[in-house]
Amino acid sequence: MHHSSFVDTLRDGGTAVGYWTVLDAPVATERVSMTGYDYIGIDAQHGLMGYDGVLRNLMAVDAGHRAAGVVRVAANDPVGIGQALDAGALGVIVPLVDTADDAAAAVRAARYSGRRSYGPMRSGLRVGPRPVESDRQVLVLAMIETEQGLANVEDIARVDGLDGLYIGPSDLMLAVGGAYPADPEHTDALEAAVERTRAAAEAAGIVPAIHTLDGATARKRLQAGFRMVTIASDLTHLEAAARSHLAEAKA
């Protein structure tokens, strides 16, 4: 599923499974991108990299020739959104969207028909050279992760030009009253919020997307109707693998 076919698949009602990278480790990113994931999510918000890292890791994804590169930008800001797209991202995930106006601003920042400045740089390698083609060939997803975002989720989902809603379960858990991301006392409230968000996306004809910690959870979310599901992160998996091998060696 190379390049814009990832976008077409999601726009046409299909599904995509991705992996998350927070490390500025392009060689590792390239390797993971070749394992069969549909996309690699590059984290410019909580990840340990700046713009140069985003660029290097998008190039690493492209070097693997299989996955699409998607960037979670640092903020709902035209500069960061434009840079991620110019660097070659096929989608942007925009954090902390509270209102329909916030979502509309994100869409404008990502579209030449809105406020995106023309200077396609690397993006010209994979999307159409004409602004109208480019606008059609990149995804814009709004993160639903705050109390206000959840309260406005149906309005946000209907914003013209928005391609999907992306749930950040850790922040959403805090938004529904959880004391910490895995708070067992608020699991039901979180699941209700997750389902409300998924239903809002589906009703609006856009992509319901969510982050998960492992493959088993990802499968559960896909079965529940989510169409874009991200798994874990390179840093947490690196630690988990190292720990398990050490435990085995010392057993």
C-alpha atoms as a PDB file:
ATOM      1  CA  MET A   1       0.000   0.000   0.000  1.00  0.00           C
ATOM      2  CA  HIS A   2       2.459   2.625  -1.160  1.00  0.00           C
ATOM      3  CA  HIS A   3       2.158   6.363  -0.979  1.00  0.00           C
ATOM      4  CA  SER A   4      -1.200   7.846  -1.895  1.00  0.00           C
ATOM      5  CA  SER A   5      -2.928   4.442  -2.144  1.00  0.00           C
ATOM      6  CA  PHE A   6      -2.866   4.607   1.685  1.00  0.00           C
ATOM      7  CA  VAL A   7      -4.912   7.801   1.478  1.00  0.00           C
ATOM      8  CA  ASP A   8      -7.224   6.371  -1.194  1.00  0.00           C
ATOM      9  CA  THR A   9      -7.810   3.211   0.855  1.00  0.00           C
ATOM     10  CA  LEU A  10      -8.878   5.187   3.908  1.00  0.00           C
ATOM     11  CA  ARG A  11     -10.997   7.599   1.854  1.00  0.00           C
ATOM     12  CA  ASP A  12     -12.739   4.608   0.235  1.00  0.00           C
ATOM     13  CA  GLY A  13     -13.720   2.997   3.543  1.00  0.00           C
ATOM     14  CA  GLY A  14     -10.755   0.648   3.984  1.00  0.00           C
ATOM     15  CA  THR A  15      -8.488   0.143   6.979  1.00  0.00           C
ATOM     16  CA  ALA A  16      -4.846   0.841   7.804  1.00  0.00           C
ATOM     17  CA  VAL A  17      -2.593  -0.330  10.616  1.00  0.00           C
ATOM     18  CA  GLY A  18       0.357   1.824  11.590  1.00  0.00           C
ATOM     19  CA  TYR A  19       3.326   1.988  13.910  1.00  0.00           C
ATOM     20  CA  TRP A  20       4.480   4.940  16.028  1.00  0.00           C
ATOM     21  CA  THR A  21       7.960   6.379  16.286  1.00  0.00           C
ATOM     22  CA  VAL A  22       9.145   8.825  18.936  1.00  0.00           C
ATOM     23  CA  LEU A  23      12.876   8.270  18.451  1.00  0.00           C
ATOM     24  CA  ASP A  24      14.938  10.155  15.906  1.00  0.00           C
ATOM     25  CA  ALA A  25      16.375   6.868  14.656  1.00  0.00           C
ATOM     26  CA  PRO A  26      15.898   6.827  10.868  1.00  0.00           C
ATOM     27  CA  VAL A  27      17.646   3.472  10.351  1.00  0.00           C
ATOM     28  CA  ALA A  28      15.231   1.851  12.796  1.00  0.00           C
ATOM     29  CA  THR A  29      12.289   3.686  11.225  1.00  0.00           C
ATOM     30  CA  GLU A  30      13.283   2.459   7.772  1.00  0.00           C
ATOM     31  CA  ARG A  31      13.483  -1.105   9.054  1.00  0.00           C
ATOM     32  CA  VAL A  32      10.117  -1.010  10.802  1.00  0.00           C
ATOM     33  CA  SER A  33       8.543   0.615   7.739  1.00  0.00           C
ATOM     34  CA  MET A  34       9.505  -2.469   5.713  1.00  0.00           C
ATOM     35  CA  THR A  35       7.711  -4.963   7.969  1.00  0.00           C
ATOM     36  CA  GLY A  36       4.263  -4.439   6.437  1.00  0.00           C
ATOM     37  CA  TYR A  37       2.652  -1.603   8.372  1.00  0.00           C
ATOM     38  CA  ASP A  38       0.508   0.653   6.188  1.00  0.00           C
ATOM     39  CA  TYR A  39       1.857   3.833   7.732  1.00  0.00           C
ATOM     40  CA  ILE A  40       4.417   5.064  10.233  1.00  0.00           C
ATOM     41  CA  GLY A  41       3.317   7.807  12.613  1.00  0.00           C
ATOM     42  CA  ILE A  42       6.142  10.231  13.347  1.00  0.00           C
ATOM     43  CA  ASP A  43       5.605  12.097  16.590  1.00  0.00           C
ATOM     44  CA  ALA A  44       6.642  15.752  16.488  1.00  0.00           C
ATOM     45  CA  GLN A  45       4.561  16.580  19.569  1.00  0.00           C
ATOM     46  CA  HIS A  46       5.768  14.192  22.278  1.00  0.00           C
ATOM     47  CA  GLY A  47       8.486  12.548  20.202  1.00  0.00           C
ATOM     48  CA  LEU A  48      12.172  13.215  20.801  1.00  0.00           C
ATOM     49  CA  MET A  49      12.867  15.049  17.570  1.00  0.00           C
ATOM     50  CA  GLY A  50      12.557  18.424  15.915  1.00  0.00           C
ATOM     51  CA  TYR A  51      11.915  19.343  12.287  1.00  0.00           C
ATOM     52  CA  ASP A  52      15.188  17.773  11.080  1.00  0.00           C
ATOM     53  CA  GLY A  53      14.167  14.524  12.739  1.00  0.00           C
ATOM     54  CA  VAL A  54      10.750  14.604  11.113  1.00  0.00           C
ATOM     55  CA  LEU A  55      12.395  15.117   7.713  1.00  0.00           C
ATOM     56  CA  ARG A  56      14.970  12.334   8.243  1.00  0.00           C
ATOM     57  CA  ASN A  57      12.323   9.885   9.421  1.00  0.00           C
ATOM     58  CA  LEU A  58       9.952  10.662   6.542  1.00  0.00           C
ATOM     59  CA  MET A  59      12.876   9.965   4.180  1.00  0.00           C
ATOM     60  CA  ALA A  60      13.531   6.707   6.041  1.00  0.00           C
ATOM     61  CA  VAL A  61       9.890   5.660   5.604  1.00  0.00           C
ATOM     62  CA  ASP A  62      10.107   6.426   1.886  1.00  0.00           C
ATOM     63  CA  ALA A  63      13.366   4.476   1.619  1.00  0.00           C
ATOM     64  CA  GLY A  64      11.454   1.397   2.798  1.00  0.00           C
ATOM     65  CA  HIS A  65       9.101   1.785  -0.198  1.00  0.00           C
ATOM     66  CA  ARG A  66       6.108   0.280   1.579  1.00  0.00           C
ATOM     67  CA  ALA A  67       4.551   2.474   4.245  1.00  0.00           C
ATOM     68  CA  ALA A  68       3.188   6.007   4.181  1.00  0.00           C
ATOM     69  CA  GLY A  69       4.605   8.669   6.495  1.00  0.00           C
ATOM     70  CA  VAL A  70       2.170  10.479   8.782  1.00  0.00           C
ATOM     71  CA  VAL A  71       3.188  13.221  11.234  1.00  0.00           C
ATOM     72  CA  ARG A  72       1.591  14.198  14.508  1.00  0.00           C
ATOM     73  CA  VAL A  73       2.444  17.871  14.525  1.00  0.00           C
ATOM     74  CA  ALA A  74       3.429  19.706  17.712  1.00  0.00           C
ATOM     75  CA  ALA A  75       0.427  22.041  17.687  1.00  0.00           C
ATOM     76  CA  ASN A  76      -2.542  23.227  15.653  1.00  0.00           C
ATOM     77  CA  ASP A  77      -0.316  25.743  13.938  1.00  0.00           C
ATOM     78  CA  PRO A  78       0.020  26.555  10.206  1.00  0.00           C
ATOM     79  CA  VAL A  79       3.833  26.595  10.380  1.00  0.00           C
ATOM     80  CA  GLY A  80       4.247  23.087  11.758  1.00  0.00           C
ATOM     81  CA  ILE A  81       1.477  21.651   9.591  1.00  0.00           C
ATOM     82  CA  GLY A  82       2.903  23.199   6.420  1.00  0.00           C
ATOM     83  CA  GLN A  83       6.436  22.036   7.229  1.00  0.00           C
ATOM     84  CA  ALA A  84       5.326  18.450   7.877  1.00  0.00           C
ATOM     85  CA  LEU A  85       3.503  18.328   4.541  1.00  0.00           C
ATOM     86  CA  ASP A  86       6.331  20.017   2.626  1.00  0.00           C
ATOM     87  CA  ALA A  87       8.710  17.447   4.152  1.00  0.00           C
ATOM     88  CA  GLY A  88       6.624  14.697   2.552  1.00  0.00           C
ATOM     89  CA  ALA A  89       4.001  13.608   5.078  1.00  0.00           C
ATOM     90  CA  LEU A  90       0.889  12.079   3.524  1.00  0.00           C
ATOM     91  CA  GLY A  91      -1.139  13.002   6.562  1.00  0.00           C
ATOM     92  CA  VAL A  92      -1.089  15.203   9.629  1.00  0.00           C
ATOM     93  CA  ILE A  93      -2.564  14.364  13.009  1.00  0.00           C
ATOM     94  CA  VAL A  94      -3.372  17.629  14.785  1.00  0.00           C
ATOM     95  CA  PRO A  95      -3.431  17.592  18.608  1.00  0.00           C
ATOM     96  CA  LEU A  96      -5.754  19.243  21.111  1.00  0.00           C
ATOM     97  CA  VAL A  97      -8.672  20.083  18.842  1.00  0.00           C
ATOM     98  CA  ASP A  98     -11.420  21.435  21.108  1.00  0.00           C
ATOM     99  CA  THR A  99     -13.933  22.950  18.680  1.00  0.00           C
ATOM    100  CA  ALA A 100     -15.156  22.890  15.093  1.00  0.00           C
ATOM    101  CA  ASP A 101     -13.298  26.181  14.597  1.00  0.00           C
ATOM    102  CA  ASP A 102     -10.058  24.528  15.746  1.00  0.00           C
ATOM    103  CA  ALA A 103     -10.618  21.695  13.253  1.00  0.00           C
ATOM    104  CA  ALA A 104     -11.427  24.141  10.448  1.00  0.00           C
ATOM    105  CA  ALA A 105      -8.188  26.017  11.175  1.00  0.00           C
ATOM    106  CA  ALA A 106      -6.230  22.751  10.915  1.00  0.00           C
ATOM    107  CA  VAL A 107      -7.861  21.972   7.561  1.00  0.00           C
ATOM    108  CA  ARG A 108      -7.080  25.472   6.245  1.00  0.00           C
ATOM    109  CA  ALA A 109      -3.447  25.129   7.308  1.00  0.00           C
ATOM    110  CA  ALA A 110      -3.121  21.852   5.398  1.00  0.00           C
ATOM    111  CA  ARG A 111      -4.834  22.930   2.178  1.00  0.00           C
ATOM    112  CA  TYR A 112      -3.540  25.233  -0.536  1.00  0.00           C
ATOM    113  CA  SER A 113      -7.176  26.236  -0.977  1.00  0.00           C
ATOM    114  CA  GLY A 114      -6.903  27.485   2.621  1.00  0.00           C
ATOM    115  CA  ARG A 115      -3.761  28.954   4.207  1.00  0.00           C
ATOM    116  CA  ARG A 116      -1.037  26.554   3.078  1.00  0.00           C
ATOM    117  CA  SER A 117       1.830  28.405   1.409  1.00  0.00           C
ATOM    118  CA  TYR A 118       3.078  26.976  -1.902  1.00  0.00           C
ATOM    119  CA  GLY A 119       6.528  25.424  -1.645  1.00  0.00           C
ATOM    120  CA  PRO A 120       6.036  21.682  -1.986  1.00  0.00           C
ATOM    121  CA  MET A 121       9.703  20.602  -1.597  1.00  0.00           C
ATOM    122  CA  ARG A 122       9.636  16.840  -0.895  1.00  0.00           C
ATOM    123  CA  SER A 123       5.853  16.558  -1.075  1.00  0.00           C
ATOM    124  CA  GLY A 124       6.110  17.141  -4.828  1.00  0.00           C
ATOM    125  CA  LEU A 125       7.706  13.703  -5.121  1.00  0.00           C
ATOM    126  CA  ARG A 126       4.543  11.914  -4.096  1.00  0.00           C
ATOM    127  CA  VAL A 127       1.504  14.136  -4.515  1.00  0.00           C
ATOM    128  CA  GLY A 128       0.221  15.976  -7.559  1.00  0.00           C
ATOM    129  CA  PRO A 129       2.004  19.214  -8.450  1.00  0.00           C
ATOM    130  CA  ARG A 130      -1.256  21.121  -8.716  1.00  0.00           C
ATOM    131  CA  PRO A 131      -2.605  22.468  -5.430  1.00  0.00           C
ATOM    132  CA  VAL A 132      -6.037  20.932  -5.962  1.00  0.00           C
ATOM    133  CA  GLU A 133      -4.452  17.474  -6.426  1.00  0.00           C
ATOM    134  CA  SER A 134      -2.236  17.920  -3.395  1.00  0.00           C
ATOM    135  CA  ASP A 135      -5.197  18.974  -1.265  1.00  0.00           C
ATOM    136  CA  ARG A 136      -6.965  15.761  -2.234  1.00  0.00           C
ATOM    137  CA  GLN A 137      -3.961  13.516  -1.598  1.00  0.00           C
ATOM    138  CA  VAL A 138      -3.105  14.297   2.017  1.00  0.00           C
ATOM    139  CA  LEU A 139      -5.124  13.460   5.120  1.00  0.00           C
ATOM    140  CA  VAL A 140      -5.962  15.822   7.970  1.00  0.00           C
ATOM    141  CA  LEU A 141      -6.985  14.188  11.250  1.00  0.00           C
ATOM    142  CA  ALA A 142      -8.099  16.024  14.390  1.00  0.00           C
ATOM    143  CA  MET A 143      -7.179  14.558  17.762  1.00  0.00           C
ATOM    144  CA  ILE A 144     -10.023  14.094  20.217  1.00  0.00           C
ATOM    145  CA  GLU A 145      -8.355  14.066  23.613  1.00  0.00           C
ATOM    146  CA  THR A 146      -9.891  16.807  25.749  1.00  0.00           C
ATOM    147  CA  GLU A 147     -13.138  17.274  27.652  1.00  0.00           C
ATOM    148  CA  GLN A 148     -14.124  20.098  25.294  1.00  0.00           C
ATOM    149  CA  GLY A 149     -13.148  18.121  22.187  1.00  0.00           C
ATOM    150  CA  LEU A 150     -15.324  15.246  23.305  1.00  0.00           C
ATOM    151  CA  ALA A 151     -18.255  17.568  24.067  1.00  0.00           C
ATOM    152  CA  ASN A 152     -17.988  19.012  20.544  1.00  0.00           C
ATOM    153  CA  VAL A 153     -17.055  15.796  18.766  1.00  0.00           C
ATOM    154  CA  GLU A 154     -20.110  15.616  16.488  1.00  0.00           C
ATOM    155  CA  ASP A 155     -19.595  19.206  15.301  1.00  0.00           C
ATOM    156  CA  ILE A 156     -15.876  18.622  14.801  1.00  0.00           C
ATOM    157  CA  ALA A 157     -16.546  15.492  12.731  1.00  0.00           C
ATOM    158  CA  ARG A 158     -18.708  17.482  10.310  1.00  0.00           C
ATOM    159  CA  VAL A 159     -16.073  20.116   9.521  1.00  0.00           C
ATOM    160  CA  ASP A 160     -15.671  20.400   5.766  1.00  0.00           C
ATOM    161  CA  GLY A 161     -12.408  18.900   4.520  1.00  0.00           C
ATOM    162  CA  LEU A 162     -11.525  17.008   7.704  1.00  0.00           C
ATOM    163  CA  ASP A 163     -10.566  13.399   6.950  1.00  0.00           C
ATOM    164  CA  GLY A 164     -10.767  11.771  10.356  1.00  0.00           C
ATOM    165  CA  LEU A 165     -10.866  11.856  14.151  1.00  0.00           C
ATOM    166  CA  TYR A 166      -7.827  10.427  15.935  1.00  0.00           C
ATOM    167  CA  ILE A 167      -8.264   9.385  19.560  1.00  0.00           C
ATOM    168  CA  GLY A 168      -5.422   9.813  22.030  1.00  0.00           C
ATOM    169  CA  PRO A 169      -6.635   7.410  24.745  1.00  0.00           C
ATOM    170  CA  SER A 170      -4.185   8.581  27.437  1.00  0.00           C
ATOM    171  CA  ASP A 171      -5.318  12.203  27.286  1.00  0.00           C
ATOM    172  CA  LEU A 172      -8.931  11.204  26.719  1.00  0.00           C
ATOM    173  CA  MET A 173      -8.798   9.078  29.896  1.00  0.00           C
ATOM    174  CA  LEU A 174      -7.621  12.153  31.829  1.00  0.00           C
ATOM    175  CA  ALA A 175     -10.386  14.182  30.157  1.00  0.00           C
ATOM    176  CA  VAL A 176     -13.093  11.807  31.421  1.00  0.00           C
ATOM    177  CA  GLY A 177     -11.767  12.022  34.981  1.00  0.00           C
ATOM    178  CA  GLY A 178      -9.089   9.353  35.113  1.00  0.00           C
ATOM    179  CA  ALA A 179      -6.275   9.974  37.598  1.00  0.00           C
ATOM    180  CA  TYR A 180      -3.737   8.490  35.150  1.00  0.00           C
ATOM    181  CA  PRO A 181      -3.900   6.929  31.658  1.00  0.00           C
ATOM    182  CA  ALA A 182      -4.561   3.354  32.825  1.00  0.00           C
ATOM    183  CA  ASP A 183      -6.973   4.277  35.654  1.00  0.00           C
ATOM    184  CA  PRO A 184      -9.218   1.183  36.065  1.00  0.00           C
ATOM    185  CA  GLU A 185     -11.967   3.183  37.791  1.00  0.00           C
ATOM    186  CA  HIS A 186     -12.636   5.193  34.643  1.00  0.00           C
ATOM    187  CA  THR A 187     -12.395   2.488  31.973  1.00  0.00           C
ATOM    188  CA  ASP A 188     -16.143   2.558  31.305  1.00  0.00           C
ATOM    189  CA  ALA A 189     -16.151   6.340  30.877  1.00  0.00           C
ATOM    190  CA  LEU A 190     -13.199   6.102  28.505  1.00  0.00           C
ATOM    191  CA  GLU A 191     -14.839   3.377  26.424  1.00  0.00           C
ATOM    192  CA  ALA A 192     -18.047   5.416  26.184  1.00  0.00           C
ATOM    193  CA  ALA A 193     -16.001   8.398  24.954  1.00  0.00           C
ATOM    194  CA  VAL A 194     -14.135   6.191  22.468  1.00  0.00           C
ATOM    195  CA  GLU A 195     -17.381   4.800  21.086  1.00  0.00           C
ATOM    196  CA  ARG A 196     -18.990   8.258  20.901  1.00  0.00           C
ATOM    197  CA  THR A 197     -16.009   9.513  18.890  1.00  0.00           C
ATOM    198  CA  ARG A 198     -16.011   6.490  16.574  1.00  0.00           C
ATOM    199  CA  ALA A 199     -19.734   6.876  15.944  1.00  0.00           C
ATOM    200  CA  ALA A 200     -19.345  10.612  15.243  1.00  0.00           C
ATOM    201  CA  ALA A 201     -16.659   9.921  12.644  1.00  0.00           C
ATOM    202  CA  GLU A 202     -18.697   7.161  11.035  1.00  0.00           C
ATOM    203  CA  ALA A 203     -21.847   9.301  10.912  1.00  0.00           C
ATOM    204  CA  ALA A 204     -19.885  12.096   9.211  1.00  0.00           C
ATOM    205  CA  GLY A 205     -18.332   9.680   6.707  1.00  0.00           C
ATOM    206  CA  ILE A 206     -14.762  10.266   7.915  1.00  0.00           C
ATOM    207  CA  VAL A 207     -12.075   7.977   9.317  1.00  0.00           C
ATOM    208  CA  PRO A 208     -12.297   6.841  12.945  1.00  0.00           C
ATOM    209  CA  ALA A 209      -8.690   6.460  14.143  1.00  0.00           C
ATOM    210  CA  ILE A 210      -7.115   5.519  17.469  1.00  0.00           C
ATOM    211  CA  HIS A 211      -3.820   4.864  19.180  1.00  0.00           C
ATOM    212  CA  THR A 212      -3.270   1.522  20.948  1.00  0.00           C
ATOM    213  CA  LEU A 213      -0.536   0.030  23.110  1.00  0.00           C
ATOM    214  CA  ASP A 214      -0.341  -3.415  21.521  1.00  0.00           C
ATOM    215  CA  GLY A 215      -1.497  -5.623  18.662  1.00  0.00           C
ATOM    216  CA  ALA A 216      -4.245  -7.327  20.673  1.00  0.00           C
ATOM    217  CA  THR A 217      -5.849  -3.982  21.492  1.00  0.00           C
ATOM    218  CA  ALA A 218      -5.406  -2.847  17.898  1.00  0.00           C
ATOM    219  CA  ARG A 219      -7.295  -5.916  16.710  1.00  0.00           C
ATOM    220  CA  LYS A 220     -10.103  -5.207  19.178  1.00  0.00           C
ATOM    221  CA  ARG A 221     -10.378  -1.625  17.911  1.00  0.00           C
ATOM    222  CA  LEU A 222     -10.445  -2.756  14.272  1.00  0.00           C
ATOM    223  CA  GLN A 223     -13.202  -5.225  15.098  1.00  0.00           C
ATOM    224  CA  ALA A 224     -15.146  -2.396  16.773  1.00  0.00           C
ATOM    225  CA  GLY A 225     -15.096  -0.389  13.536  1.00  0.00           C
ATOM    226  CA  PHE A 226     -11.992   1.774  13.803  1.00  0.00           C
ATOM    227  CA  ARG A 227     -10.364   2.049  10.396  1.00  0.00           C
ATOM    228  CA  MET A 228      -6.975   3.556  11.211  1.00  0.00           C
ATOM    229  CA  VAL A 229      -5.199   2.026  14.182  1.00  0.00           C
ATOM    230  CA  THR A 230      -1.699   2.825  15.414  1.00  0.00           C
ATOM    231  CA  ILE A 231       0.353   0.464  17.565  1.00  0.00           C
ATOM    232  CA  ALA A 232       2.651   1.352  20.444  1.00  0.00           C
ATOM    233  CA  SER A 233       5.983   3.090  19.881  1.00  0.00           C
ATOM    234  CA  ASP A 234       9.553   2.158  19.054  1.00  0.00           C
ATOM    235  CA  LEU A 235      10.862   3.347  22.438  1.00  0.00           C
ATOM    236  CA  THR A 236       8.415   1.312  24.545  1.00  0.00           C
ATOM    237  CA  HIS A 237       8.929  -1.783  22.388  1.00  0.00           C
ATOM    238  CA  LEU A 238      12.705  -1.490  22.559  1.00  0.00           C
ATOM    239  CA  GLU A 239      12.542  -1.432  26.342  1.00  0.00           C
ATOM    240  CA  ALA A 240      10.002  -4.273  26.515  1.00  0.00           C
ATOM    241  CA  ALA A 241      12.090  -6.510  24.239  1.00  0.00           C
ATOM    242  CA  ALA A 242      15.266  -5.781  26.198  1.00  0.00           C
ATOM    243  CA  ARG A 243      13.524  -6.535  29.507  1.00  0.00           C
ATOM    244  CA  SER A 244      12.025  -9.817  28.308  1.00  0.00           C
ATOM    245  CA  HIS A 245      15.347 -11.111  26.993  1.00  0.00           C
ATOM    246  CA  LEU A 246      17.088 -10.162  30.241  1.00  0.00           C
ATOM    247  CA  ALA A 247      14.427 -11.917  32.285  1.00  0.00           C
ATOM    248  CA  GLU A 248      14.803 -15.041  30.140  1.00  0.00           C
ATOM    249  CA  ALA A 249      18.583 -14.977  30.440  1.00  0.00           C
ATOM    250  CA  LYS A 250      18.373 -14.737  34.227  1.00  0.00           C
ATOM    251  CA  ALA A 251      15.485 -17.159  34.704  1.00  0.00           C
END
